[in-house]
Amino acid sequence: MESSYSLIEIMMQEYASVMKERNRTVDEDGETEGVDYEWVELPSFDDPTKTIRMKRYYDIEGVKAK
């Protein structure tokens, strides 16, 4: 019984990782959102009441910059 549960758990983990990889979207530059960069909103320099969206790139290892 324990081995059956372990097998099912491993299969579900594998399924989750495959689905996560499949659902990653690659943009026209060949970059993957959530892996290479994230979207951030910054105040506009022209009108501080408005915000603009920009890409915040991660470093080479894929770790968020501080």
Protein backbone atom coordinates (compact mmCIF):
# COMPACT_ATOMS: atom_id res chain seq x y z
CA MET A 1 0.00 0.00 0.00
CA GLU A 2 2.83 2.40 0.87
CA SER A 3 4.57 1.80 -2.47
CA SER A 4 1.33 2.50 -4.37
CA TYR A 5 0.94 5.82 -2.57
CA SER A 6 4.57 6.72 -3.28
CA LEU A 7 4.16 5.90 -6.96
CA ILE A 8 1.02 8.01 -7.26
CA GLU A 9 2.69 10.91 -5.44
CA ILE A 10 5.73 10.78 -7.76
CA MET A 11 3.47 10.64 -10.83
CA MET A 12 1.50 13.68 -9.63
CA GLN A 13 4.73 15.64 -9.02
CA GLU A 14 5.96 14.76 -12.50
CA TYR A 15 2.61 15.77 -14.00
CA ALA A 16 2.75 19.13 -12.19
CA SER A 17 6.26 19.86 -13.44
CA VAL A 18 5.34 18.92 -17.03
CA MET A 19 2.24 21.12 -16.96
CA LYS A 20 4.21 24.03 -15.46
CA GLU A 21 6.80 23.76 -18.24
CA ARG A 22 4.10 23.49 -20.92
CA ASN A 23 2.24 26.56 -19.67
CA ARG A 24 5.25 28.85 -19.81
CA THR A 25 4.73 31.40 -22.53
CA VAL A 26 7.57 32.49 -24.77
CA ASP A 27 7.29 35.97 -26.24
CA GLU A 28 8.52 37.13 -29.65
CA ASP A 29 12.04 37.76 -28.28
CA GLY A 30 12.35 34.14 -27.19
CA GLU A 31 12.19 35.03 -23.49
CA THR A 32 10.00 33.19 -21.02
CA GLU A 33 7.87 35.23 -18.62
CA GLY A 34 8.50 34.19 -15.04
CA VAL A 35 11.88 32.70 -15.90
CA ASP A 36 13.78 35.47 -17.68
CA TYR A 37 11.81 38.48 -16.43
CA GLU A 38 8.74 39.72 -14.59
CA TRP A 39 6.47 42.67 -15.27
CA VAL A 40 6.62 45.60 -12.84
CA GLU A 41 4.68 48.86 -12.75
CA LEU A 42 6.62 52.08 -12.25
CA PRO A 43 5.45 55.69 -12.01
CA SER A 44 5.65 57.57 -15.29
CA PHE A 45 8.27 60.35 -15.41
CA ASP A 46 5.98 62.46 -17.60
CA ASP A 47 2.88 62.11 -15.41
CA PRO A 48 3.49 60.75 -11.86
CA THR A 49 -0.21 59.91 -11.46
CA LYS A 50 0.12 57.24 -14.19
CA THR A 51 2.12 54.03 -14.19
CA ILE A 52 3.99 52.25 -16.95
CA ARG A 53 4.76 48.54 -17.25
CA MET A 54 8.35 47.46 -17.79
CA LYS A 55 10.19 44.16 -17.82
CA ARG A 56 12.42 43.51 -14.81
CA TYR A 57 15.07 41.00 -15.89
CA TYR A 58 16.53 38.38 -13.59
CA ASP A 59 20.25 37.78 -13.43
CA ILE A 60 21.97 34.95 -15.30
CA GLU A 61 21.12 32.26 -12.72
CA GLY A 62 17.41 33.18 -12.87
CA VAL A 63 17.43 34.70 -9.39
CA LYS A 64 15.47 37.88 -8.77
CA ALA A 65 17.63 40.97 -8.49
CA LYS A 66 17.48 42.74 -5.16
